[in-house]
Amino acid sequence: MLTRSIQLYLTMTIVGTLACPGNSLAQQSADTIYQGGSILRMTDIDPRAEAVAVKDGRVLAVGKTADVSKYRGDSTNMVDLAGRALLPGFVDAHGHVFGIGLQALSANMLPAPDGAVNSIAALQEALLEWAKTYEKRVKAVNLILGFGYDDAQLKELRHPTRDDLDKVSKDIPVYIIHQSGHIGVGNSKALELVKITSKTKNPIGGVI
């Protein structure tokens, strides 16, 4: 993100080309016109513009300041970006923000230098230590949870197995999440609770 950027979350669709004078949109007055900064259109062709006119949350026109100014009416709010950048609203189709909270509530499975888990034995030790430190939390939720292991940085160069996690506990569900957030390993108790067996079919797009 630019240090001098302004992010305007407008529910709008960026128009690829400036509306022509003959277009019905050209007869409308904009609610707001943004100018005086870099308008990022997020398109491969002509990705930057000088100004954008907006009405009812949708773009009337985007392009050169002189052209967009044709949409100025008596009640149009003129916004000077003062050299800052304007971006359209974002739709995040793939985010891991929730993982920040999850990581804060989990045993640290990260390898060095962010953690100390560079082997299966170290992973087991970290889980046991965390379960002992947060014994009340483990009893309250009936779960030992770890986050951040990396099979590529474990001495064994493999993912942990349920047998490895059974050595942490056979009575309490144990679940650890790969640092990518896309892979997880459960002990036998965890797999029993979610009814995953050797006969369970792989989910669409996934592998058990």
N, C-alpha and C. Protein backbone atom coordinates (compact mmCIF):
# COMPACT_ATOMS: atom_id res chain seq x y z
N MET A 1 0.84 -1.18 0.00
CA MET A 1 0.00 0.00 0.00
C MET A 1 0.89 1.24 0.00
N LEU A 2 0.56 2.21 -0.81
CA LEU A 2 1.36 3.41 -0.88
C LEU A 2 1.22 4.18 0.42
N THR A 3 2.31 4.82 0.84
CA THR A 3 2.27 5.57 2.09
C THR A 3 1.37 6.78 1.98
N ARG A 4 1.19 7.30 0.77
CA ARG A 4 0.34 8.46 0.57
C ARG A 4 -0.86 8.07 -0.29
N SER A 5 -1.48 6.98 0.09
CA SER A 5 -2.61 6.52 -0.70
C SER A 5 -3.91 6.70 0.05
N ILE A 6 -4.96 6.81 -0.71
CA ILE A 6 -6.29 6.88 -0.12
C ILE A 6 -7.11 5.76 -0.71
N GLN A 7 -7.64 4.92 0.14
CA GLN A 7 -8.37 3.75 -0.32
C GLN A 7 -9.85 4.00 -0.10
N LEU A 8 -10.58 4.18 -1.15
CA LEU A 8 -11.99 4.50 -1.06
C LEU A 8 -12.80 3.26 -1.38
N TYR A 9 -13.50 2.76 -0.40
CA TYR A 9 -14.27 1.54 -0.58
C TYR A 9 -15.64 1.88 -1.17
N LEU A 10 -15.66 2.11 -2.44
CA LEU A 10 -16.89 2.43 -3.14
C LEU A 10 -17.44 1.16 -3.75
N THR A 11 -18.71 0.95 -3.59
CA THR A 11 -19.34 -0.18 -4.27
C THR A 11 -19.63 0.26 -5.68
N MET A 12 -18.68 0.00 -6.55
CA MET A 12 -18.80 0.54 -7.90
C MET A 12 -18.11 -0.35 -8.90
N THR A 13 -18.44 -0.14 -10.12
CA THR A 13 -17.82 -0.85 -11.23
C THR A 13 -17.04 0.15 -12.06
N ILE A 14 -15.75 -0.11 -12.24
CA ILE A 14 -14.93 0.80 -13.02
C ILE A 14 -15.29 0.65 -14.49
N VAL A 15 -15.61 1.75 -15.13
CA VAL A 15 -15.94 1.76 -16.54
C VAL A 15 -14.65 1.81 -17.35
N GLY A 16 -14.58 0.95 -18.36
CA GLY A 16 -13.34 0.85 -19.12
C GLY A 16 -13.02 2.10 -19.92
N THR A 17 -14.02 2.78 -20.44
CA THR A 17 -13.78 3.97 -21.25
C THR A 17 -14.70 5.08 -20.79
N LEU A 18 -14.29 6.29 -21.06
CA LEU A 18 -15.09 7.45 -20.71
C LEU A 18 -16.40 7.43 -21.48
N ALA A 19 -17.51 7.69 -20.78
CA ALA A 19 -18.80 7.72 -21.45
C ALA A 19 -18.81 8.82 -22.50
N CYS A 20 -19.32 8.50 -23.66
CA CYS A 20 -19.36 9.47 -24.76
C CYS A 20 -20.48 10.48 -24.53
N PRO A 21 -20.37 11.70 -25.07
CA PRO A 21 -21.39 12.71 -24.89
C PRO A 21 -22.76 12.24 -25.32
N GLY A 22 -22.83 11.32 -26.29
CA GLY A 22 -24.12 10.85 -26.75
C GLY A 22 -24.75 9.82 -25.82
N ASN A 23 -23.97 9.30 -24.87
CA ASN A 23 -24.46 8.31 -23.93
C ASN A 23 -25.39 8.97 -22.94
N SER A 24 -26.44 8.25 -22.51
CA SER A 24 -27.39 8.81 -21.56
C SER A 24 -26.74 9.17 -20.24
N LEU A 25 -25.65 8.43 -19.88
CA LEU A 25 -24.95 8.74 -18.65
C LEU A 25 -24.34 10.13 -18.68
N ALA A 26 -24.02 10.59 -19.89
CA ALA A 26 -23.36 11.89 -20.02
C ALA A 26 -24.27 13.04 -19.61
N GLN A 27 -25.58 12.78 -19.56
CA GLN A 27 -26.52 13.84 -19.20
C GLN A 27 -26.69 13.96 -17.69
N GLN A 28 -26.11 13.03 -16.95
CA GLN A 28 -26.26 13.04 -15.50
C GLN A 28 -25.15 13.85 -14.84
N SER A 29 -25.47 14.37 -13.66
CA SER A 29 -24.46 15.07 -12.86
C SER A 29 -23.94 14.11 -11.80
N ALA A 30 -22.64 14.13 -11.59
CA ALA A 30 -22.03 13.23 -10.62
C ALA A 30 -22.30 13.69 -9.19
N ASP A 31 -22.40 12.74 -8.30
CA ASP A 31 -22.47 13.07 -6.88
C ASP A 31 -21.11 13.57 -6.41
N THR A 32 -20.06 12.90 -6.89
CA THR A 32 -18.69 13.24 -6.48
C THR A 32 -17.75 13.06 -7.66
N ILE A 33 -16.79 13.96 -7.76
CA ILE A 33 -15.71 13.82 -8.73
C ILE A 33 -14.39 13.86 -7.97
N TYR A 34 -13.57 12.84 -8.19
CA TYR A 34 -12.25 12.76 -7.57
C TYR A 34 -11.22 13.12 -8.62
N GLN A 35 -10.28 13.99 -8.24
CA GLN A 35 -9.24 14.41 -9.17
C GLN A 35 -8.02 14.86 -8.38
N GLY A 36 -6.98 15.19 -9.09
CA GLY A 36 -5.78 15.68 -8.43
C GLY A 36 -4.87 14.59 -7.89
N GLY A 37 -5.08 13.37 -8.35
CA GLY A 37 -4.23 12.26 -7.92
C GLY A 37 -4.23 11.18 -8.97
N SER A 38 -3.63 10.07 -8.67
CA SER A 38 -3.55 8.96 -9.61
C SER A 38 -4.75 8.05 -9.39
N ILE A 39 -5.60 7.94 -10.43
CA ILE A 39 -6.75 7.05 -10.37
C ILE A 39 -6.32 5.70 -10.95
N LEU A 40 -6.28 4.68 -10.12
CA LEU A 40 -5.85 3.35 -10.56
C LEU A 40 -7.08 2.57 -11.01
N ARG A 41 -7.16 2.31 -12.31
CA ARG A 41 -8.35 1.68 -12.88
C ARG A 41 -8.30 0.16 -12.82
N MET A 42 -7.14 -0.39 -12.49
CA MET A 42 -6.96 -1.84 -12.36
C MET A 42 -7.25 -2.57 -13.67
N THR A 43 -6.90 -1.96 -14.78
CA THR A 43 -7.05 -2.57 -16.09
C THR A 43 -5.70 -2.62 -16.78
N ASP A 44 -5.50 -3.58 -17.67
CA ASP A 44 -4.22 -3.71 -18.37
C ASP A 44 -4.02 -2.58 -19.38
N ILE A 45 -5.10 -2.17 -20.02
CA ILE A 45 -5.02 -1.09 -21.00
C ILE A 45 -5.35 0.23 -20.32
N ASP A 46 -4.44 1.18 -20.43
CA ASP A 46 -4.65 2.50 -19.84
C ASP A 46 -5.01 2.40 -18.35
N PRO A 47 -4.12 1.87 -17.52
CA PRO A 47 -4.45 1.58 -16.12
C PRO A 47 -4.61 2.80 -15.21
N ARG A 48 -4.18 3.97 -15.66
CA ARG A 48 -4.26 5.16 -14.81
C ARG A 48 -5.11 6.24 -15.47
N ALA A 49 -5.83 6.98 -14.65
CA ALA A 49 -6.64 8.08 -15.14
C ALA A 49 -6.42 9.29 -14.24
N GLU A 50 -6.91 10.44 -14.70
CA GLU A 50 -6.72 11.68 -13.94
C GLU A 50 -7.88 11.98 -13.01
N ALA A 51 -9.07 11.48 -13.36
CA ALA A 51 -10.25 11.80 -12.55
C ALA A 51 -11.31 10.73 -12.74
N VAL A 52 -12.24 10.68 -11.79
CA VAL A 52 -13.35 9.75 -11.87
C VAL A 52 -14.59 10.42 -11.32
N ALA A 53 -15.72 10.23 -12.01
CA ALA A 53 -17.01 10.78 -11.57
C ALA A 53 -17.88 9.63 -11.09
N VAL A 54 -18.53 9.82 -9.94
CA VAL A 54 -19.32 8.77 -9.32
C VAL A 54 -20.73 9.27 -9.02
N LYS A 55 -21.72 8.43 -9.27
CA LYS A 55 -23.10 8.75 -8.92
C LYS A 55 -23.77 7.50 -8.37
N ASP A 56 -24.39 7.62 -7.21
CA ASP A 56 -25.09 6.50 -6.58
C ASP A 56 -24.20 5.27 -6.43
N GLY A 57 -22.93 5.51 -6.11
CA GLY A 57 -22.02 4.40 -5.88
C GLY A 57 -21.49 3.73 -7.11
N ARG A 58 -21.79 4.26 -8.28
CA ARG A 58 -21.29 3.69 -9.53
C ARG A 58 -20.55 4.75 -10.33
N VAL A 59 -19.59 4.30 -11.14
CA VAL A 59 -18.78 5.22 -11.93
C VAL A 59 -19.55 5.69 -13.15
N LEU A 60 -19.63 7.01 -13.30
CA LEU A 60 -20.20 7.59 -14.52
C LEU A 60 -19.14 7.71 -15.60
N ALA A 61 -17.96 8.11 -15.20
CA ALA A 61 -16.89 8.33 -16.18
C ALA A 61 -15.55 8.30 -15.49
N VAL A 62 -14.53 7.88 -16.23
CA VAL A 62 -13.17 7.88 -15.72
C VAL A 62 -12.26 8.21 -16.90
N GLY A 63 -11.31 9.11 -16.68
CA GLY A 63 -10.43 9.50 -17.77
C GLY A 63 -9.70 10.79 -17.46
N LYS A 64 -9.55 11.65 -18.45
CA LYS A 64 -8.87 12.92 -18.26
C LYS A 64 -9.77 13.89 -17.49
N THR A 65 -9.14 14.76 -16.73
CA THR A 65 -9.87 15.70 -15.89
C THR A 65 -10.84 16.55 -16.69
N ALA A 66 -10.41 17.02 -17.85
CA ALA A 66 -11.27 17.88 -18.67
C ALA A 66 -12.53 17.16 -19.11
N ASP A 67 -12.41 15.90 -19.45
CA ASP A 67 -13.57 15.13 -19.89
C ASP A 67 -14.50 14.80 -18.73
N VAL A 68 -13.93 14.38 -17.61
CA VAL A 68 -14.73 14.00 -16.45
C VAL A 68 -15.44 15.22 -15.86
N SER A 69 -14.85 16.39 -15.99
CA SER A 69 -15.45 17.62 -15.46
C SER A 69 -16.80 17.93 -16.10
N LYS A 70 -17.11 17.35 -17.26
CA LYS A 70 -18.40 17.56 -17.91
C LYS A 70 -19.56 17.03 -17.07
N TYR A 71 -19.23 16.18 -16.10
CA TYR A 71 -20.26 15.59 -15.25
C TYR A 71 -20.45 16.40 -13.96
N ARG A 72 -19.79 17.53 -13.87
CA ARG A 72 -19.92 18.37 -12.69
C ARG A 72 -21.24 19.15 -12.73
N GLY A 73 -21.99 19.06 -11.64
CA GLY A 73 -23.24 19.79 -11.51
C GLY A 73 -23.16 20.75 -10.34
N ASP A 74 -24.25 21.45 -10.08
CA ASP A 74 -24.25 22.43 -8.98
C ASP A 74 -24.03 21.78 -7.63
N SER A 75 -24.47 20.53 -7.48
CA SER A 75 -24.36 19.87 -6.17
C SER A 75 -23.24 18.83 -6.13
N THR A 76 -22.41 18.77 -7.16
CA THR A 76 -21.33 17.78 -7.21
C THR A 76 -20.26 18.11 -6.17
N ASN A 77 -19.89 17.13 -5.38
CA ASN A 77 -18.82 17.28 -4.39
C ASN A 77 -17.49 17.05 -5.09
N MET A 78 -16.63 18.04 -5.09
CA MET A 78 -15.32 17.93 -5.73
C MET A 78 -14.28 17.55 -4.68
N VAL A 79 -13.61 16.43 -4.91
CA VAL A 79 -12.60 15.95 -3.97
C VAL A 79 -11.23 16.03 -4.59
N ASP A 80 -10.34 16.80 -3.94
CA ASP A 80 -8.96 16.93 -4.40
C ASP A 80 -8.13 15.86 -3.68
N LEU A 81 -7.58 14.93 -4.44
CA LEU A 81 -6.79 13.85 -3.86
C LEU A 81 -5.41 14.30 -3.38
N ALA A 82 -5.03 15.51 -3.75
CA ALA A 82 -3.76 16.08 -3.31
C ALA A 82 -2.58 15.15 -3.57
N GLY A 83 -2.58 14.54 -4.75
CA GLY A 83 -1.46 13.70 -5.14
C GLY A 83 -1.55 12.26 -4.67
N ARG A 84 -2.55 11.95 -3.88
CA ARG A 84 -2.69 10.57 -3.39
C ARG A 84 -3.34 9.68 -4.46
N ALA A 85 -3.27 8.38 -4.24
CA ALA A 85 -3.83 7.42 -5.20
C ALA A 85 -5.23 7.01 -4.76
N LEU A 86 -6.09 6.76 -5.74
CA LEU A 86 -7.44 6.27 -5.47
C LEU A 86 -7.59 4.90 -6.10
N LEU A 87 -8.06 3.95 -5.31
CA LEU A 87 -8.25 2.58 -5.77
C LEU A 87 -9.71 2.20 -5.61
N PRO A 88 -10.22 1.34 -6.49
CA PRO A 88 -11.59 0.85 -6.31
C PRO A 88 -11.65 -0.08 -5.11
N GLY A 89 -12.86 -0.36 -4.64
CA GLY A 89 -13.02 -1.26 -3.51
C GLY A 89 -12.51 -2.66 -3.83
N PHE A 90 -12.07 -3.36 -2.80
CA PHE A 90 -11.52 -4.70 -2.99
C PHE A 90 -12.51 -5.78 -2.60
N VAL A 91 -12.49 -6.88 -3.31
CA VAL A 91 -13.21 -8.07 -2.92
C VAL A 91 -12.15 -9.13 -2.65
N ASP A 92 -11.97 -9.49 -1.38
CA ASP A 92 -10.94 -10.45 -1.02
C ASP A 92 -11.51 -11.86 -1.10
N ALA A 93 -11.17 -12.57 -2.16
CA ALA A 93 -11.72 -13.91 -2.36
C ALA A 93 -10.90 -14.97 -1.65
N HIS A 94 -9.78 -14.60 -1.07
CA HIS A 94 -8.93 -15.58 -0.40
C HIS A 94 -8.11 -14.87 0.66
N GLY A 95 -8.55 -14.95 1.88
CA GLY A 95 -7.83 -14.26 2.95
C GLY A 95 -7.57 -15.18 4.14
N HIS A 96 -6.54 -14.86 4.91
CA HIS A 96 -6.17 -15.63 6.08
C HIS A 96 -6.12 -14.75 7.33
N VAL A 97 -6.89 -13.67 7.32
CA VAL A 97 -6.82 -12.74 8.45
C VAL A 97 -7.20 -13.43 9.75
N PHE A 98 -8.21 -14.31 9.69
CA PHE A 98 -8.64 -15.01 10.89
C PHE A 98 -7.51 -15.81 11.52
N GLY A 99 -6.52 -16.18 10.69
CA GLY A 99 -5.40 -16.97 11.19
C GLY A 99 -4.57 -16.27 12.24
N ILE A 100 -4.62 -14.94 12.26
CA ILE A 100 -3.87 -14.19 13.27
C ILE A 100 -4.39 -14.53 14.66
N GLY A 101 -5.73 -14.53 14.80
CA GLY A 101 -6.32 -14.89 16.08
C GLY A 101 -6.11 -16.34 16.42
N LEU A 102 -6.23 -17.20 15.41
CA LEU A 102 -6.03 -18.63 15.62
C LEU A 102 -4.61 -18.92 16.09
N GLN A 103 -3.65 -18.25 15.47
CA GLN A 103 -2.25 -18.46 15.84
C GLN A 103 -1.98 -18.00 17.27
N ALA A 104 -2.65 -16.92 17.68
CA ALA A 104 -2.45 -16.41 19.03
C ALA A 104 -2.96 -17.38 20.10
N LEU A 105 -3.90 -18.24 19.73
CA LEU A 105 -4.49 -19.18 20.68
C LEU A 105 -3.90 -20.58 20.56
N SER A 106 -2.85 -20.73 19.76
CA SER A 106 -2.31 -22.05 19.47
C SER A 106 -0.88 -22.19 19.95
N ALA A 107 -0.46 -23.44 20.07
CA ALA A 107 0.95 -23.71 20.35
C ALA A 107 1.77 -23.31 19.13
N ASN A 108 2.94 -22.75 19.38
CA ASN A 108 3.81 -22.27 18.30
C ASN A 108 4.53 -23.45 17.65
N MET A 109 4.13 -23.76 16.42
CA MET A 109 4.73 -24.86 15.68
C MET A 109 5.74 -24.39 14.64
N LEU A 110 6.05 -23.10 14.63
CA LEU A 110 6.95 -22.55 13.61
C LEU A 110 8.38 -23.06 13.80
N PRO A 111 9.10 -23.23 12.70
CA PRO A 111 10.51 -23.61 12.79
C PRO A 111 11.36 -22.40 13.18
N ALA A 112 12.63 -22.65 13.49
CA ALA A 112 13.55 -21.56 13.79
C ALA A 112 13.68 -20.66 12.56
N PRO A 113 13.85 -19.34 12.75
CA PRO A 113 14.08 -18.65 14.02
C PRO A 113 12.81 -18.16 14.70
N ASP A 114 11.63 -18.39 14.11
CA ASP A 114 10.38 -17.90 14.70
C ASP A 114 9.83 -18.83 15.76
N GLY A 115 10.34 -20.05 15.77
CA GLY A 115 9.93 -21.02 16.77
C GLY A 115 11.06 -22.01 16.98
N ALA A 116 10.73 -23.18 17.52
CA ALA A 116 11.78 -24.17 17.78
C ALA A 116 11.42 -25.54 17.26
N VAL A 117 10.46 -25.60 16.33
CA VAL A 117 9.98 -26.89 15.84
C VAL A 117 10.66 -27.24 14.52
N ASN A 118 11.77 -27.96 14.63
CA ASN A 118 12.50 -28.39 13.44
C ASN A 118 12.63 -29.90 13.38
N SER A 119 11.80 -30.59 14.15
CA SER A 119 11.76 -32.06 14.11
C SER A 119 10.43 -32.50 14.70
N ILE A 120 10.08 -33.76 14.45
CA ILE A 120 8.85 -34.31 15.00
C ILE A 120 8.92 -34.32 16.52
N ALA A 121 10.07 -34.67 17.06
CA ALA A 121 10.24 -34.70 18.52
C ALA A 121 10.03 -33.31 19.11
N ALA A 122 10.58 -32.30 18.46
CA ALA A 122 10.43 -30.92 18.95
C ALA A 122 8.97 -30.49 18.85
N LEU A 123 8.28 -30.93 17.81
CA LEU A 123 6.87 -30.62 17.65
C LEU A 123 6.06 -31.23 18.78
N GLN A 124 6.34 -32.48 19.11
CA GLN A 124 5.63 -33.15 20.19
C GLN A 124 5.90 -32.47 21.53
N GLU A 125 7.14 -32.10 21.75
CA GLU A 125 7.52 -31.44 22.99
C GLU A 125 6.83 -30.09 23.13
N ALA A 126 6.75 -29.34 22.03
CA ALA A 126 6.11 -28.03 22.05
C ALA A 126 4.63 -28.15 22.37
N LEU A 127 3.97 -29.16 21.82
CA LEU A 127 2.55 -29.37 22.10
C LEU A 127 2.32 -29.77 23.55
N LEU A 128 3.16 -30.66 24.08
CA LEU A 128 3.03 -31.09 25.46
C LEU A 128 3.27 -29.93 26.43
N GLU A 129 4.26 -29.10 26.12
CA GLU A 129 4.56 -27.94 26.97
C GLU A 129 3.41 -26.94 26.94
N TRP A 130 2.87 -26.71 25.74
CA TRP A 130 1.75 -25.77 25.62
C TRP A 130 0.52 -26.28 26.36
N ALA A 131 0.24 -27.59 26.24
CA ALA A 131 -0.91 -28.18 26.92
C ALA A 131 -0.76 -28.08 28.44
N LYS A 132 0.45 -28.20 28.92
CA LYS A 132 0.71 -28.08 30.36
C LYS A 132 0.56 -26.65 30.82
N THR A 133 1.07 -25.70 30.01
CA THR A 133 0.99 -24.28 30.37
C THR A 133 -0.45 -23.80 30.36
N TYR A 134 -1.22 -24.25 29.39
CA TYR A 134 -2.61 -23.79 29.25
C TYR A 134 -3.59 -24.93 29.56
N GLU A 135 -3.32 -25.61 30.64
CA GLU A 135 -4.11 -26.77 31.02
C GLU A 135 -5.60 -26.45 31.17
N LYS A 136 -5.91 -25.31 31.78
CA LYS A 136 -7.32 -24.92 31.97
C LYS A 136 -8.00 -24.68 30.62
N ARG A 137 -7.27 -24.06 29.70
CA ARG A 137 -7.84 -23.80 28.37
C ARG A 137 -8.09 -25.11 27.63
N VAL A 138 -7.14 -26.03 27.73
CA VAL A 138 -7.28 -27.32 27.06
C VAL A 138 -8.49 -28.07 27.60
N LYS A 139 -8.69 -28.05 28.92
CA LYS A 139 -9.82 -28.74 29.52
C LYS A 139 -11.14 -28.07 29.13
N ALA A 140 -11.11 -26.75 29.01
CA ALA A 140 -12.34 -26.01 28.69
C ALA A 140 -12.83 -26.30 27.28
N VAL A 141 -11.91 -26.41 26.34
CA VAL A 141 -12.31 -26.62 24.93
C VAL A 141 -12.07 -28.04 24.45
N ASN A 142 -11.42 -28.85 25.29
CA ASN A 142 -11.11 -30.24 24.94
C ASN A 142 -10.36 -30.32 23.62
N LEU A 143 -9.27 -29.57 23.55
CA LEU A 143 -8.48 -29.54 22.31
C LEU A 143 -7.07 -29.03 22.59
N ILE A 144 -6.10 -29.71 21.98
CA ILE A 144 -4.73 -29.22 21.93
C ILE A 144 -4.49 -28.78 20.50
N LEU A 145 -4.20 -27.51 20.33
CA LEU A 145 -4.12 -26.93 18.99
C LEU A 145 -2.74 -26.33 18.73
N GLY A 146 -2.20 -26.62 17.57
CA GLY A 146 -0.91 -26.05 17.17
C GLY A 146 -1.00 -25.41 15.80
N PHE A 147 -0.17 -24.42 15.58
CA PHE A 147 -0.22 -23.72 14.29
C PHE A 147 1.19 -23.40 13.81
N GLY A 148 1.45 -23.65 12.50
CA GLY A 148 2.66 -23.14 11.88
C GLY A 148 3.74 -24.13 11.54
N TYR A 149 3.48 -25.44 11.68
CA TYR A 149 4.56 -26.39 11.36
C TYR A 149 4.85 -26.36 9.86
N ASP A 150 6.08 -26.71 9.50
CA ASP A 150 6.49 -26.73 8.09
C ASP A 150 7.24 -28.03 7.84
N ASP A 151 6.61 -28.93 7.09
CA ASP A 151 7.23 -30.22 6.82
C ASP A 151 8.57 -30.08 6.13
N ALA A 152 8.73 -29.03 5.32
CA ALA A 152 9.99 -28.84 4.58
C ALA A 152 11.14 -28.45 5.50
N GLN A 153 10.81 -28.01 6.72
CA GLN A 153 11.87 -27.61 7.66
C GLN A 153 11.95 -28.53 8.87
N LEU A 154 11.24 -29.63 8.82
CA LEU A 154 11.40 -30.66 9.84
C LEU A 154 12.55 -31.58 9.45
N LYS A 155 13.28 -32.06 10.41
CA LYS A 155 14.42 -32.94 10.13
C LYS A 155 14.01 -34.16 9.32
N GLU A 156 12.79 -34.63 9.59
CA GLU A 156 12.31 -35.83 8.91
C GLU A 156 11.81 -35.56 7.49
N LEU A 157 11.65 -34.30 7.13
CA LEU A 157 11.17 -33.88 5.81
C LEU A 157 9.86 -34.58 5.44
N ARG A 158 8.94 -34.59 6.38
CA ARG A 158 7.62 -35.16 6.13
C ARG A 158 6.60 -34.49 7.06
N HIS A 159 5.33 -34.72 6.74
CA HIS A 159 4.29 -34.23 7.63
C HIS A 159 4.19 -35.15 8.84
N PRO A 160 3.82 -34.61 9.99
CA PRO A 160 3.54 -35.48 11.13
C PRO A 160 2.34 -36.37 10.81
N THR A 161 2.22 -37.48 11.50
CA THR A 161 1.09 -38.40 11.31
C THR A 161 0.23 -38.42 12.56
N ARG A 162 -0.92 -39.10 12.47
CA ARG A 162 -1.76 -39.21 13.65
C ARG A 162 -1.04 -40.00 14.74
N ASP A 163 -0.19 -40.96 14.34
CA ASP A 163 0.57 -41.72 15.33
C ASP A 163 1.53 -40.82 16.09
N ASP A 164 2.13 -39.86 15.38
CA ASP A 164 3.02 -38.91 16.04
C ASP A 164 2.25 -38.08 17.07
N LEU A 165 1.04 -37.68 16.70
CA LEU A 165 0.24 -36.83 17.61
C LEU A 165 -0.40 -37.64 18.73
N ASP A 166 -0.58 -38.94 18.51
CA ASP A 166 -1.09 -39.79 19.58
C ASP A 166 -0.12 -39.85 20.76
N LYS A 167 1.15 -39.59 20.50
CA LYS A 167 2.15 -39.58 21.57
C LYS A 167 2.02 -38.33 22.43
N VAL A 168 1.30 -37.34 21.91
CA VAL A 168 1.01 -36.14 22.71
C VAL A 168 -0.20 -36.42 23.59
N SER A 169 -1.24 -37.02 23.01
CA SER A 169 -2.43 -37.42 23.77
C SER A 169 -3.29 -38.36 22.93
N LYS A 170 -3.81 -39.40 23.61
CA LYS A 170 -4.75 -40.31 22.97
C LYS A 170 -6.18 -40.02 23.41
N ASP A 171 -6.32 -39.23 24.47
CA ASP A 171 -7.64 -38.95 25.03
C ASP A 171 -8.19 -37.60 24.62
N ILE A 172 -7.31 -36.64 24.40
CA ILE A 172 -7.72 -35.29 24.01
C ILE A 172 -7.44 -35.10 22.52
N PRO A 173 -8.38 -34.53 21.77
CA PRO A 173 -8.12 -34.26 20.35
C PRO A 173 -6.91 -33.33 20.19
N VAL A 174 -6.03 -33.69 19.27
CA VAL A 174 -4.87 -32.86 18.94
C VAL A 174 -4.95 -32.53 17.46
N TYR A 175 -4.81 -31.26 17.16
CA TYR A 175 -4.88 -30.85 15.75
C TYR A 175 -3.83 -29.77 15.51
N ILE A 176 -3.02 -29.98 14.48
CA ILE A 176 -2.00 -28.99 14.14
C ILE A 176 -2.20 -28.53 12.69
N ILE A 177 -1.93 -27.26 12.46
CA ILE A 177 -2.18 -26.64 11.16
C ILE A 177 -0.85 -26.23 10.53
N HIS A 178 -0.68 -26.59 9.28
CA HIS A 178 0.51 -26.20 8.52
C HIS A 178 0.58 -24.69 8.41
N GLN A 179 1.77 -24.13 8.28
CA GLN A 179 1.92 -22.68 8.23
C GLN A 179 1.25 -22.06 7.01
N SER A 180 0.95 -22.86 5.99
CA SER A 180 0.22 -22.36 4.83
C SER A 180 -1.25 -22.15 5.14
N GLY A 181 -1.75 -22.81 6.18
CA GLY A 181 -3.16 -22.73 6.51
C GLY A 181 -4.02 -23.67 5.70
N HIS A 182 -3.41 -24.47 4.83
CA HIS A 182 -4.17 -25.33 3.92
C HIS A 182 -4.05 -26.81 4.24
N ILE A 183 -3.25 -27.17 5.23
CA ILE A 183 -3.04 -28.57 5.58
C ILE A 183 -3.13 -28.71 7.10
N GLY A 184 -3.71 -29.80 7.53
CA GLY A 184 -3.79 -30.04 8.97
C GLY A 184 -3.63 -31.52 9.27
N VAL A 185 -3.22 -31.83 10.50
CA VAL A 185 -3.04 -33.21 10.95
C VAL A 185 -3.74 -33.36 12.29
N GLY A 186 -4.51 -34.43 12.42
CA GLY A 186 -5.18 -34.70 13.69
C GLY A 186 -4.71 -36.03 14.26
N ASN A 187 -4.80 -36.16 15.58
CA ASN A 187 -4.49 -37.44 16.21
C ASN A 187 -5.69 -38.38 16.06
N SER A 188 -5.59 -39.58 16.57
CA SER A 188 -6.66 -40.56 16.39
C SER A 188 -7.97 -40.09 17.01
N LYS A 189 -7.89 -39.42 18.15
CA LYS A 189 -9.09 -38.93 18.82
C LYS A 189 -9.78 -37.86 17.98
N ALA A 190 -9.00 -36.96 17.40
CA ALA A 190 -9.58 -35.91 16.56
C ALA A 190 -10.25 -36.52 15.33
N LEU A 191 -9.60 -37.50 14.71
CA LEU A 191 -10.16 -38.15 13.52
C LEU A 191 -11.43 -38.93 13.88
N GLU A 192 -11.44 -39.51 15.08
CA GLU A 192 -12.62 -40.24 15.54
C GLU A 192 -13.82 -39.30 15.70
N LEU A 193 -13.58 -38.13 16.26
CA LEU A 193 -14.66 -37.17 16.51
C LEU A 193 -15.28 -36.64 15.22
N VAL A 194 -14.44 -36.46 14.19
CA VAL A 194 -14.96 -35.96 12.91
C VAL A 194 -15.30 -37.09 11.95
N LYS A 195 -15.19 -38.31 12.47
CA LYS A 195 -15.59 -39.52 11.72
C LYS A 195 -14.82 -39.68 10.41
N ILE A 196 -13.52 -39.45 10.48
CA ILE A 196 -12.65 -39.70 9.31
C ILE A 196 -11.95 -41.04 9.52
N THR A 197 -12.12 -41.93 8.54
CA THR A 197 -11.47 -43.24 8.59
C THR A 197 -10.73 -43.47 7.27
N SER A 198 -10.13 -44.62 7.14
CA SER A 198 -9.42 -44.96 5.91
C SER A 198 -10.37 -45.10 4.73
N LYS A 199 -11.68 -45.23 5.02
CA LYS A 199 -12.68 -45.38 3.97
C LYS A 199 -13.34 -44.06 3.59
N THR A 200 -12.99 -42.99 4.29
CA THR A 200 -13.59 -41.68 4.00
C THR A 200 -13.11 -41.18 2.64
N LYS A 201 -14.06 -40.72 1.84
CA LYS A 201 -13.72 -40.21 0.51
C LYS A 201 -13.07 -38.83 0.63
N ASN A 202 -12.16 -38.55 -0.30
CA ASN A 202 -11.53 -37.24 -0.34
C ASN A 202 -12.58 -36.16 -0.67
N PRO A 203 -12.49 -35.01 -0.03
CA PRO A 203 -13.40 -33.92 -0.37
C PRO A 203 -13.01 -33.35 -1.73
N ILE A 204 -13.95 -32.63 -2.36
CA ILE A 204 -13.66 -32.00 -3.65
C ILE A 204 -12.50 -31.01 -3.49
N GLY A 205 -11.45 -31.20 -4.28
CA GLY A 205 -10.30 -30.32 -4.21
C GLY A 205 -9.35 -30.59 -3.07
N GLY A 206 -9.61 -31.66 -2.31
CA GLY A 206 -8.75 -31.95 -1.16
C GLY A 206 -8.30 -33.39 -1.13
N VAL A 207 -7.39 -33.68 -0.22
CA VAL A 207 -6.86 -35.04 -0.07
C VAL A 207 -6.77 -35.37 1.41
N ILE A 208 -7.27 -36.55 1.78
CA ILE A 208 -7.12 -37.02 3.16
C ILE A 208 -5.93 -37.98 3.19
